[in-house]
């Protein structure tokens, strides 16, 4: 699987658990997602292997559709579009700074 992202510059990538309920921080899946931020897209995969193998992302958000990125409690990132909110856990405060900058 080759996509237009193959030629895009990766700004950041890493493991981040997807959170279903931000108040309780209940996880959506037992395995963390592998998330990749490109200049124009934010992709998330079911695992790092899927990204490395060039498989299609399980979800994609165009950066032009993002209305807000919020770091909550220095351990949770919320990506808000008109249609949805996605929550991803962050390992530590340094991770929050890296993703937000």
PDB file of N, CA and C in Angstrom:
ATOM      1  N   UNK A   1       0.844  -1.189   0.000  1.00  0.00           N
ATOM      2  CA  UNK A   1       0.000   0.000   0.000  1.00  0.00           C
ATOM      3  C   UNK A   1       0.878   1.237   0.000  1.00  0.00           C
ATOM      4  N   UNK A   2       0.759   2.043  -1.000  1.00  0.00           N
ATOM      5  CA  UNK A   2       1.514   3.284  -1.088  1.00  0.00           C
ATOM      6  C   UNK A   2       0.512   4.420  -1.209  1.00  0.00           C
ATOM      7  N   UNK A   3       0.734   5.461  -0.453  1.00  0.00           N
ATOM      8  CA  UNK A   3      -0.197   6.581  -0.483  1.00  0.00           C
ATOM      9  C   UNK A   3       0.564   7.871  -0.741  1.00  0.00           C
ATOM     10  N   UNK A   4      -0.181   8.941  -0.848  1.00  0.00           N
ATOM     11  CA  UNK A   4       0.445  10.251  -1.037  1.00  0.00           C
ATOM     12  C   UNK A   4       1.270  10.638   0.191  1.00  0.00           C
ATOM     13  N   UNK A   5       1.023   9.991   1.325  1.00  0.00           N
ATOM     14  CA  UNK A   5       1.779  10.290   2.526  1.00  0.00           C
ATOM     15  C   UNK A   5       3.220   9.800   2.435  1.00  0.00           C
ATOM     16  N   UNK A   6       3.482   8.902   1.503  1.00  0.00           N
ATOM     17  CA  UNK A   6       4.840   8.386   1.346  1.00  0.00           C
ATOM     18  C   UNK A   6       5.829   9.503   1.048  1.00  0.00           C
ATOM     19  N   UNK A   7       5.349  10.569   0.473  1.00  0.00           N
ATOM     20  CA  UNK A   7       6.217  11.685   0.135  1.00  0.00           C
ATOM     21  C   UNK A   7       6.089  12.838   1.123  1.00  0.00           C
ATOM     22  N   UNK A   8       5.256  12.676   2.144  1.00  0.00           N
ATOM     23  CA  UNK A   8       5.063  13.722   3.149  1.00  0.00           C
ATOM     24  C   UNK A   8       6.108  13.602   4.250  1.00  0.00           C
ATOM     25  N   UNK A   9       6.445  14.717   4.813  1.00  0.00           N
ATOM     26  CA  UNK A   9       7.401  14.764   5.903  1.00  0.00           C
ATOM     27  C   UNK A   9       6.695  14.444   7.225  1.00  0.00           C
ATOM     28  N   UNK A  10       7.223  13.499   7.979  1.00  0.00           N
ATOM     29  CA  UNK A  10       6.663  13.137   9.276  1.00  0.00           C
ATOM     30  C   UNK A  10       7.151  14.140  10.315  1.00  0.00           C
ATOM     31  N   UNK A  11       6.204  14.830  10.964  1.00  0.00           N
ATOM     32  CA  UNK A  11       6.550  15.802  11.991  1.00  0.00           C
ATOM     33  C   UNK A  11       6.742  15.140  13.347  1.00  0.00           C
ATOM     34  N   UNK A  12       5.924  14.126  13.625  1.00  0.00           N
ATOM     35  CA  UNK A  12       6.019  13.410  14.892  1.00  0.00           C
ATOM     36  C   UNK A  12       5.312  12.071  14.751  1.00  0.00           C
ATOM     37  N   UNK A  13       5.726  11.092  15.538  1.00  0.00           N
ATOM     38  CA  UNK A  13       5.073   9.784  15.529  1.00  0.00           C
ATOM     39  C   UNK A  13       5.371   9.088  16.840  1.00  0.00           C
ATOM     40  N   UNK A  14       4.513   8.150  17.190  1.00  0.00           N
ATOM     41  CA  UNK A  14       4.743   7.398  18.417  1.00  0.00           C
ATOM     42  C   UNK A  14       3.506   6.648  18.864  1.00  0.00           C
ATOM     43  N   UNK A  15       3.661   5.864  19.918  1.00  0.00           N
ATOM     44  CA  UNK A  15       2.559   5.104  20.489  1.00  0.00           C
ATOM     45  C   UNK A  15       1.734   5.990  21.404  1.00  0.00           C
ATOM     46  N   UNK A  16       0.428   5.871  21.300  1.00  0.00           N
ATOM     47  CA  UNK A  16      -0.477   6.636  22.153  1.00  0.00           C
ATOM     48  C   UNK A  16      -1.773   5.850  22.319  1.00  0.00           C
ATOM     49  N   UNK A  17      -2.131   5.516  23.549  1.00  0.00           N
ATOM     50  CA  UNK A  17      -3.391   4.804  23.735  1.00  0.00           C
ATOM     51  C   UNK A  17      -4.572   5.712  23.386  1.00  0.00           C
ATOM     52  N   UNK A  18      -5.545   5.155  22.666  1.00  0.00           N
ATOM     53  CA  UNK A  18      -6.743   5.927  22.343  1.00  0.00           C
ATOM     54  C   UNK A  18      -7.709   5.809  23.512  1.00  0.00           C
ATOM     55  N   UNK A  19      -8.193   6.931  23.978  1.00  0.00           N
ATOM     56  CA  UNK A  19      -9.026   6.995  25.173  1.00  0.00           C
ATOM     57  C   UNK A  19     -10.472   7.223  24.768  1.00  0.00           C
ATOM     58  N   UNK A  20     -11.370   6.407  25.326  1.00  0.00           N
ATOM     59  CA  UNK A  20     -12.798   6.509  25.023  1.00  0.00           C
ATOM     60  C   UNK A  20     -13.462   7.608  25.854  1.00  0.00           C
ATOM     61  N   UNK A  21     -13.172   7.619  27.138  1.00  0.00           N
ATOM     62  CA  UNK A  21     -13.792   8.564  28.061  1.00  0.00           C
ATOM     63  C   UNK A  21     -12.700   9.396  28.733  1.00  0.00           C
ATOM     64  N   UNK A  22     -12.608  10.679  28.408  1.00  0.00           N
ATOM     65  CA  UNK A  22     -11.521  11.489  28.952  1.00  0.00           C
ATOM     66  C   UNK A  22     -11.602  11.680  30.468  1.00  0.00           C
ATOM     67  N   UNK A  23     -12.794  11.583  31.050  1.00  0.00           N
ATOM     68  CA  UNK A  23     -12.913  11.778  32.499  1.00  0.00           C
ATOM     69  C   UNK A  23     -12.340  10.593  33.265  1.00  0.00           C
ATOM     70  N   UNK A  24     -12.660   9.399  32.827  1.00  0.00           N
ATOM     71  CA  UNK A  24     -12.154   8.208  33.512  1.00  0.00           C
ATOM     72  C   UNK A  24     -10.868   7.693  32.876  1.00  0.00           C
ATOM     73  N   UNK A  25     -10.536   8.226  31.706  1.00  0.00           N
ATOM     74  CA  UNK A  25      -9.381   7.808  30.918  1.00  0.00           C
ATOM     75  C   UNK A  25      -9.467   6.328  30.546  1.00  0.00           C
ATOM     76  N   UNK A  26     -10.715   5.859  30.360  1.00  0.00           N
ATOM     77  CA  UNK A  26     -10.937   4.483  29.935  1.00  0.00           C
ATOM     78  C   UNK A  26     -10.453   4.323  28.496  1.00  0.00           C
ATOM     79  N   UNK A  27      -9.665   3.272  28.258  1.00  0.00           N
ATOM     80  CA  UNK A  27      -9.076   3.056  26.938  1.00  0.00           C
ATOM     81  C   UNK A  27     -10.099   2.500  25.961  1.00  0.00           C
ATOM     82  N   UNK A  28      -9.990   2.920  24.716  1.00  0.00           N
ATOM     83  CA  UNK A  28     -10.848   2.418  23.653  1.00  0.00           C
ATOM     84  C   UNK A  28     -10.398   1.027  23.208  1.00  0.00           C
ATOM     85  N   UNK A  29      -9.105   0.772  23.264  1.00  0.00           N
ATOM     86  CA  UNK A  29      -8.542  -0.527  22.872  1.00  0.00           C
ATOM     87  C   UNK A  29      -7.421  -0.873  23.841  1.00  0.00           C
ATOM     88  N   UNK A  30      -7.152  -2.153  24.004  1.00  0.00           N
ATOM     89  CA  UNK A  30      -6.114  -2.570  24.946  1.00  0.00           C
ATOM     90  C   UNK A  30      -4.706  -2.247  24.438  1.00  0.00           C
ATOM     91  N   UNK A  31      -4.521  -2.219  23.124  1.00  0.00           N
ATOM     92  CA  UNK A  31      -3.221  -1.889  22.556  1.00  0.00           C
ATOM     93  C   UNK A  31      -3.179  -0.417  22.165  1.00  0.00           C
ATOM     94  N   UNK A  32      -2.052   0.245  22.438  1.00  0.00           N
ATOM     95  CA  UNK A  32      -1.963   1.645  22.030  1.00  0.00           C
ATOM     96  C   UNK A  32      -1.971   1.793  20.508  1.00  0.00           C
ATOM     97  N   UNK A  33      -2.490   2.892  20.042  1.00  0.00           N
ATOM     98  CA  UNK A  33      -2.456   3.218  18.622  1.00  0.00           C
ATOM     99  C   UNK A  33      -1.068   3.754  18.286  1.00  0.00           C
ATOM    100  N   UNK A  34      -0.696   3.597  17.030  1.00  0.00           N
ATOM    101  CA  UNK A  34       0.523   4.233  16.549  1.00  0.00           C
ATOM    102  C   UNK A  34       0.069   5.444  15.757  1.00  0.00           C
ATOM    103  N   UNK A  35       0.438   6.626  16.212  1.00  0.00           N
ATOM    104  CA  UNK A  35      -0.053   7.860  15.608  1.00  0.00           C
ATOM    105  C   UNK A  35       1.082   8.563  14.868  1.00  0.00           C
ATOM    106  N   UNK A  36       0.721   9.172  13.747  1.00  0.00           N
ATOM    107  CA  UNK A  36       1.706   9.854  12.899  1.00  0.00           C
ATOM    108  C   UNK A  36       1.147  11.207  12.496  1.00  0.00           C
ATOM    109  N   UNK A  37       1.916  12.246  12.752  1.00  0.00           N
ATOM    110  CA  UNK A  37       1.535  13.598  12.352  1.00  0.00           C
ATOM    111  C   UNK A  37       2.375  14.007  11.156  1.00  0.00           C
ATOM    112  N   UNK A  38       1.695  14.261  10.055  1.00  0.00           N
ATOM    113  CA  UNK A  38       2.327  14.786   8.845  1.00  0.00           C
ATOM    114  C   UNK A  38       1.994  16.268   8.755  1.00  0.00           C
ATOM    115  N   UNK A  39       2.531  16.926   7.749  1.00  0.00           N
ATOM    116  CA  UNK A  39       2.230  18.347   7.559  1.00  0.00           C
ATOM    117  C   UNK A  39       0.748  18.588   7.323  1.00  0.00           C
ATOM    118  N   UNK A  40       0.077  17.652   6.616  1.00  0.00           N
ATOM    119  CA  UNK A  40      -1.331  17.870   6.251  1.00  0.00           C
ATOM    120  C   UNK A  40      -2.294  16.832   6.811  1.00  0.00           C
ATOM    121  N   UNK A  41      -1.777  15.811   7.496  1.00  0.00           N
ATOM    122  CA  UNK A  41      -2.632  14.727   7.986  1.00  0.00           C
ATOM    123  C   UNK A  41      -2.193  14.267   9.367  1.00  0.00           C
ATOM    124  N   UNK A  42      -3.137  13.719  10.101  1.00  0.00           N
ATOM    125  CA  UNK A  42      -2.874  12.999  11.341  1.00  0.00           C
ATOM    126  C   UNK A  42      -3.467  11.615  11.139  1.00  0.00           C
ATOM    127  N   UNK A  43      -2.627  10.590  11.119  1.00  0.00           N
ATOM    128  CA  UNK A  43      -3.079   9.210  10.911  1.00  0.00           C
ATOM    129  C   UNK A  43      -2.908   8.421  12.195  1.00  0.00           C
ATOM    130  N   UNK A  44      -3.796   7.454  12.402  1.00  0.00           N
ATOM    131  CA  UNK A  44      -3.586   6.522  13.502  1.00  0.00           C
ATOM    132  C   UNK A  44      -3.825   5.106  13.023  1.00  0.00           C
ATOM    133  N   UNK A  45      -2.943   4.236  13.501  1.00  0.00           N
ATOM    134  CA  UNK A  45      -2.880   2.834  13.086  1.00  0.00           C
ATOM    135  C   UNK A  45      -3.134   1.947  14.301  1.00  0.00           C
ATOM    136  N   UNK A  46      -3.523   0.696  14.045  1.00  0.00           N
ATOM    137  CA  UNK A  46      -3.740  -0.227  15.156  1.00  0.00           C
ATOM    138  C   UNK A  46      -2.419  -0.651  15.797  1.00  0.00           C
ATOM    139  N   UNK A  47      -1.314  -0.431  15.132  1.00  0.00           N
ATOM    140  CA  UNK A  47      -0.004  -0.737  15.695  1.00  0.00           C
ATOM    141  C   UNK A  47       1.115  -0.209  14.826  1.00  0.00           C
ATOM    142  N   UNK A  48       2.297  -0.142  15.386  1.00  0.00           N
ATOM    143  CA  UNK A  48       3.450   0.382  14.658  1.00  0.00           C
ATOM    144  C   UNK A  48       3.782  -0.470  13.440  1.00  0.00           C
ATOM    145  N   UNK A  49       3.550  -1.781  13.539  1.00  0.00           N
ATOM    146  CA  UNK A  49       3.829  -2.681  12.422  1.00  0.00           C
ATOM    147  C   UNK A  49       3.014  -2.344  11.187  1.00  0.00           C
ATOM    148  N   UNK A  50       1.765  -1.957  11.388  1.00  0.00           N
ATOM    149  CA  UNK A  50       0.920  -1.582  10.248  1.00  0.00           C
ATOM    150  C   UNK A  50       1.458  -0.350   9.535  1.00  0.00           C
ATOM    151  N   UNK A  51       1.956   0.596  10.310  1.00  0.00           N
ATOM    152  CA  UNK A  51       2.569   1.788   9.716  1.00  0.00           C
ATOM    153  C   UNK A  51       3.837   1.401   8.959  1.00  0.00           C
ATOM    154  N   UNK A  52       4.691   0.607   9.610  1.00  0.00           N
ATOM    155  CA  UNK A  52       5.965   0.202   9.007  1.00  0.00           C
ATOM    156  C   UNK A  52       5.764  -0.619   7.738  1.00  0.00           C
ATOM    157  N   UNK A  53       4.688  -1.408   7.706  1.00  0.00           N
ATOM    158  CA  UNK A  53       4.395  -2.242   6.532  1.00  0.00           C
ATOM    159  C   UNK A  53       3.672  -1.475   5.424  1.00  0.00           C
ATOM    160  N   UNK A  54       3.377  -0.194   5.660  1.00  0.00           N
ATOM    161  CA  UNK A  54       2.728   0.611   4.636  1.00  0.00           C
ATOM    162  C   UNK A  54       1.235   0.358   4.504  1.00  0.00           C
ATOM    163  N   UNK A  55       0.626  -0.231   5.529  1.00  0.00           N
ATOM    164  CA  UNK A  55      -0.814  -0.491   5.470  1.00  0.00           C
ATOM    165  C   UNK A  55      -1.601   0.795   5.667  1.00  0.00           C
ATOM    166  N   UNK A  56      -2.834   0.753   5.217  1.00  0.00           N
ATOM    167  CA  UNK A  56      -3.715   1.909   5.328  1.00  0.00           C
ATOM    168  C   UNK A  56      -4.006   2.215   6.794  1.00  0.00           C
ATOM    169  N   UNK A  57      -4.024   3.494   7.130  1.00  0.00           N
ATOM    170  CA  UNK A  57      -4.340   3.922   8.494  1.00  0.00           C
ATOM    171  C   UNK A  57      -5.786   3.571   8.829  1.00  0.00           C
ATOM    172  N   UNK A  58      -6.045   3.269  10.094  1.00  0.00           N
ATOM    173  CA  UNK A  58      -7.417   2.977  10.507  1.00  0.00           C
ATOM    174  C   UNK A  58      -8.228   4.261  10.646  1.00  0.00           C
ATOM    175  N   UNK A  59      -7.542   5.379  10.745  1.00  0.00           N
ATOM    176  CA  UNK A  59      -8.209   6.670  10.797  1.00  0.00           C
ATOM    177  C   UNK A  59      -7.291   7.773  10.335  1.00  0.00           C
ATOM    178  N   UNK A  60      -7.865   8.771   9.689  1.00  0.00           N
ATOM    179  CA  UNK A  60      -7.107   9.908   9.169  1.00  0.00           C
ATOM    180  C   UNK A  60      -7.890  11.182   9.420  1.00  0.00           C
ATOM    181  N   UNK A  61      -7.180  12.203   9.857  1.00  0.00           N
ATOM    182  CA  UNK A  61      -7.773  13.530  10.011  1.00  0.00           C
ATOM    183  C   UNK A  61      -6.908  14.495   9.218  1.00  0.00           C
ATOM    184  N   UNK A  62      -7.537  15.249   8.339  1.00  0.00           N
ATOM    185  CA  UNK A  62      -6.824  16.295   7.617  1.00  0.00           C
ATOM    186  C   UNK A  62      -6.579  17.449   8.588  1.00  0.00           C
ATOM    187  N   UNK A  63      -5.386  18.008   8.586  1.00  0.00           N
ATOM    188  CA  UNK A  63      -5.097  19.104   9.507  1.00  0.00           C
ATOM    189  C   UNK A  63      -5.976  20.321   9.234  1.00  0.00           C
ATOM    190  N   UNK A  64      -6.477  20.459   8.023  1.00  0.00           N
ATOM    191  CA  UNK A  64      -7.366  21.597   7.744  1.00  0.00           C
ATOM    192  C   UNK A  64      -8.734  21.423   8.405  1.00  0.00           C
ATOM    193  N   UNK A  65      -9.095  20.182   8.787  1.00  0.00           N
ATOM    194  CA  UNK A  65     -10.362  19.918   9.475  1.00  0.00           C
ATOM    195  C   UNK A  65     -10.258  20.052  10.993  1.00  0.00           C
ATOM    196  N   UNK A  66      -9.036  20.168  11.506  1.00  0.00           N
ATOM    197  CA  UNK A  66      -8.837  20.271  12.953  1.00  0.00           C
ATOM    198  C   UNK A  66      -9.198  21.672  13.409  1.00  0.00           C
ATOM    199  N   UNK A  67     -10.121  21.735  14.360  1.00  0.00           N
ATOM    200  CA  UNK A  67     -10.520  23.026  14.917  1.00  0.00           C
ATOM    201  C   UNK A  67      -9.695  23.383  16.141  1.00  0.00           C
ATOM    202  N   UNK A  68      -9.285  22.348  16.897  1.00  0.00           N
ATOM    203  CA  UNK A  68      -8.528  22.606  18.114  1.00  0.00           C
ATOM    204  C   UNK A  68      -7.772  21.353  18.536  1.00  0.00           C
ATOM    205  N   UNK A  69      -6.582  21.558  19.069  1.00  0.00           N
ATOM    206  CA  UNK A  69      -5.829  20.503  19.732  1.00  0.00           C
ATOM    207  C   UNK A  69      -5.612  20.994  21.158  1.00  0.00           C
ATOM    208  N   UNK A  70      -6.074  20.187  22.095  1.00  0.00           N
ATOM    209  CA  UNK A  70      -5.981  20.580  23.498  1.00  0.00           C
ATOM    210  C   UNK A  70      -5.214  19.508  24.266  1.00  0.00           C
ATOM    211  N   UNK A  71      -4.285  19.948  25.095  1.00  0.00           N
ATOM    212  CA  UNK A  71      -3.585  19.042  25.999  1.00  0.00           C
ATOM    213  C   UNK A  71      -4.270  19.182  27.352  1.00  0.00           C
ATOM    214  N   UNK A  72      -4.820  18.068  27.825  1.00  0.00           N
ATOM    215  CA  UNK A  72      -5.585  18.063  29.073  1.00  0.00           C
ATOM    216  C   UNK A  72      -4.756  17.366  30.154  1.00  0.00           C
ATOM    217  N   UNK A  73      -4.588  18.004  31.280  1.00  0.00           N
ATOM    218  CA  UNK A  73      -3.869  17.420  32.424  1.00  0.00           C
ATOM    219  C   UNK A  73      -2.474  16.921  32.065  1.00  0.00           C
ATOM    220  N   UNK A  74      -1.885  17.449  31.034  1.00  0.00           N
ATOM    221  CA  UNK A  74      -0.536  17.082  30.588  1.00  0.00           C
ATOM    222  C   UNK A  74      -0.394  15.591  30.272  1.00  0.00           C
ATOM    223  N   UNK A  75      -1.528  14.883  30.159  1.00  0.00           N
ATOM    224  CA  UNK A  75      -1.432  13.447  29.896  1.00  0.00           C
ATOM    225  C   UNK A  75      -2.440  12.973  28.854  1.00  0.00           C
ATOM    226  N   UNK A  76      -3.195  13.906  28.292  1.00  0.00           N
ATOM    227  CA  UNK A  76      -4.242  13.543  27.347  1.00  0.00           C
ATOM    228  C   UNK A  76      -4.331  14.600  26.251  1.00  0.00           C
ATOM    229  N   UNK A  77      -4.343  14.153  25.003  1.00  0.00           N
ATOM    230  CA  UNK A  77      -4.458  15.067  23.869  1.00  0.00           C
ATOM    231  C   UNK A  77      -5.834  14.887  23.241  1.00  0.00           C
ATOM    232  N   UNK A  78      -6.551  15.979  23.056  1.00  0.00           N
ATOM    233  CA  UNK A  78      -7.861  15.964  22.412  1.00  0.00           C
ATOM    234  C   UNK A  78      -7.734  16.659  21.062  1.00  0.00           C
ATOM    235  N   UNK A  79      -8.126  15.957  20.011  1.00  0.00           N
ATOM    236  CA  UNK A  79      -8.148  16.533  18.665  1.00  0.00           C
ATOM    237  C   UNK A  79      -9.614  16.718  18.305  1.00  0.00           C
ATOM    238  N   UNK A  80     -10.016  17.974  18.120  1.00  0.00           N
ATOM    239  CA  UNK A  80     -11.424  18.266  17.856  1.00  0.00           C
ATOM    240  C   UNK A  80     -11.615  18.757  16.426  1.00  0.00           C
ATOM    241  N   UNK A  81     -12.553  18.116  15.732  1.00  0.00           N
ATOM    242  CA  UNK A  81     -12.999  18.572  14.418  1.00  0.00           C
ATOM    243  C   UNK A  81     -14.475  18.941  14.549  1.00  0.00           C
ATOM    244  N   UNK A  82     -15.075  19.396  13.464  1.00  0.00           N
ATOM    245  CA  UNK A  82     -16.518  19.707  13.516  1.00  0.00           C
ATOM    246  C   UNK A  82     -17.338  18.474  13.845  1.00  0.00           C
ATOM    247  N   UNK A  83     -16.886  17.316  13.390  1.00  0.00           N
ATOM    248  CA  UNK A  83     -17.678  16.096  13.515  1.00  0.00           C
ATOM    249  C   UNK A  83     -17.379  15.260  14.751  1.00  0.00           C
ATOM    250  N   UNK A  84     -16.186  15.359  15.303  1.00  0.00           N
ATOM    251  CA  UNK A  84     -15.819  14.432  16.367  1.00  0.00           C
ATOM    252  C   UNK A  84     -14.714  14.985  17.257  1.00  0.00           C
ATOM    253  N   UNK A  85     -14.507  14.279  18.352  1.00  0.00           N
ATOM    254  CA  UNK A  85     -13.356  14.506  19.224  1.00  0.00           C
ATOM    255  C   UNK A  85     -12.663  13.167  19.406  1.00  0.00           C
ATOM    256  N   UNK A  86     -11.352  13.167  19.254  1.00  0.00           N
ATOM    257  CA  UNK A  86     -10.544  11.973  19.494  1.00  0.00           C
ATOM    258  C   UNK A  86      -9.590  12.276  20.635  1.00  0.00           C
ATOM    259  N   UNK A  87      -9.448  11.309  21.526  1.00  0.00           N
ATOM    260  CA  UNK A  87      -8.572  11.469  22.682  1.00  0.00           C
ATOM    261  C   UNK A  87      -7.466  10.429  22.641  1.00  0.00           C
ATOM    262  N   UNK A  88      -6.239  10.882  22.872  1.00  0.00           N
ATOM    263  CA  UNK A  88      -5.085   9.994  22.915  1.00  0.00           C
ATOM    264  C   UNK A  88      -4.293  10.292  24.179  1.00  0.00           C
ATOM    265  N   UNK A  89      -3.899   9.226  24.871  1.00  0.00           N
ATOM    266  CA  UNK A  89      -3.087   9.378  26.065  1.00  0.00           C
ATOM    267  C   UNK A  89      -1.654   9.733  25.708  1.00  0.00           C
ATOM    268  N   UNK A  90      -1.033  10.498  26.570  1.00  0.00           N
ATOM    269  CA  UNK A  90       0.365  10.880  26.405  1.00  0.00           C
ATOM    270  C   UNK A  90       1.146  10.341  27.590  1.00  0.00           C
ATOM    271  N   UNK A  91       2.351   9.898  27.344  1.00  0.00           N
ATOM    272  CA  UNK A  91       3.139   9.249  28.391  1.00  0.00           C
ATOM    273  C   UNK A  91       3.571  10.162  29.519  1.00  0.00           C
ATOM    274  N   UNK A  92       3.950  11.394  29.176  1.00  0.00           N
ATOM    275  CA  UNK A  92       4.468  12.303  30.198  1.00  0.00           C
ATOM    276  C   UNK A  92       4.344  13.742  29.695  1.00  0.00           C
ATOM    277  N   UNK A  93       4.707  14.667  30.540  1.00  0.00           N
ATOM    278  CA  UNK A  93       4.619  16.085  30.179  1.00  0.00           C
ATOM    279  C   UNK A  93       5.489  16.415  28.967  1.00  0.00           C
ATOM    280  N   UNK A  94       6.644  15.773  28.851  1.00  0.00           N
ATOM    281  CA  UNK A  94       7.518  16.011  27.695  1.00  0.00           C
ATOM    282  C   UNK A  94       6.829  15.607  26.393  1.00  0.00           C
ATOM    283  N   UNK A  95       6.069  14.488  26.434  1.00  0.00           N
ATOM    284  CA  UNK A  95       5.314  14.069  25.259  1.00  0.00           C
ATOM    285  C   UNK A  95       4.277  15.117  24.871  1.00  0.00           C
ATOM    286  N   UNK A  96       3.614  15.685  25.870  1.00  0.00           N
ATOM    287  CA  UNK A  96       2.615  16.721  25.619  1.00  0.00           C
ATOM    288  C   UNK A  96       3.244  17.927  24.934  1.00  0.00           C
ATOM    289  N   UNK A  97       4.380  18.331  25.405  1.00  0.00           N
ATOM    290  CA  UNK A  97       5.082  19.486  24.819  1.00  0.00           C
ATOM    291  C   UNK A  97       5.480  19.186  23.385  1.00  0.00           C
ATOM    292  N   UNK A  98       5.992  17.987  23.124  1.00  0.00           N
ATOM    293  CA  UNK A  98       6.422  17.601  21.787  1.00  0.00           C
ATOM    294  C   UNK A  98       5.249  17.593  20.811  1.00  0.00           C
ATOM    295  N   UNK A  99       4.110  16.995  21.197  1.00  0.00           N
ATOM    296  CA  UNK A  99       2.967  16.918  20.295  1.00  0.00           C
ATOM    297  C   UNK A  99       2.337  18.285  20.078  1.00  0.00           C
ATOM    298  N   UNK A 100       2.344  19.130  21.089  1.00  0.00           N
ATOM    299  CA  UNK A 100       1.649  20.412  20.984  1.00  0.00           C
ATOM    300  C   UNK A 100       2.456  21.440  20.210  1.00  0.00           C
ATOM    301  N   UNK A 101       3.774  21.317  20.201  1.00  0.00           N
ATOM    302  CA  UNK A 101       4.607  22.336  19.536  1.00  0.00           C
ATOM    303  C   UNK A 101       4.678  22.155  18.043  1.00  0.00           C
TER     304      UNK A 101
END
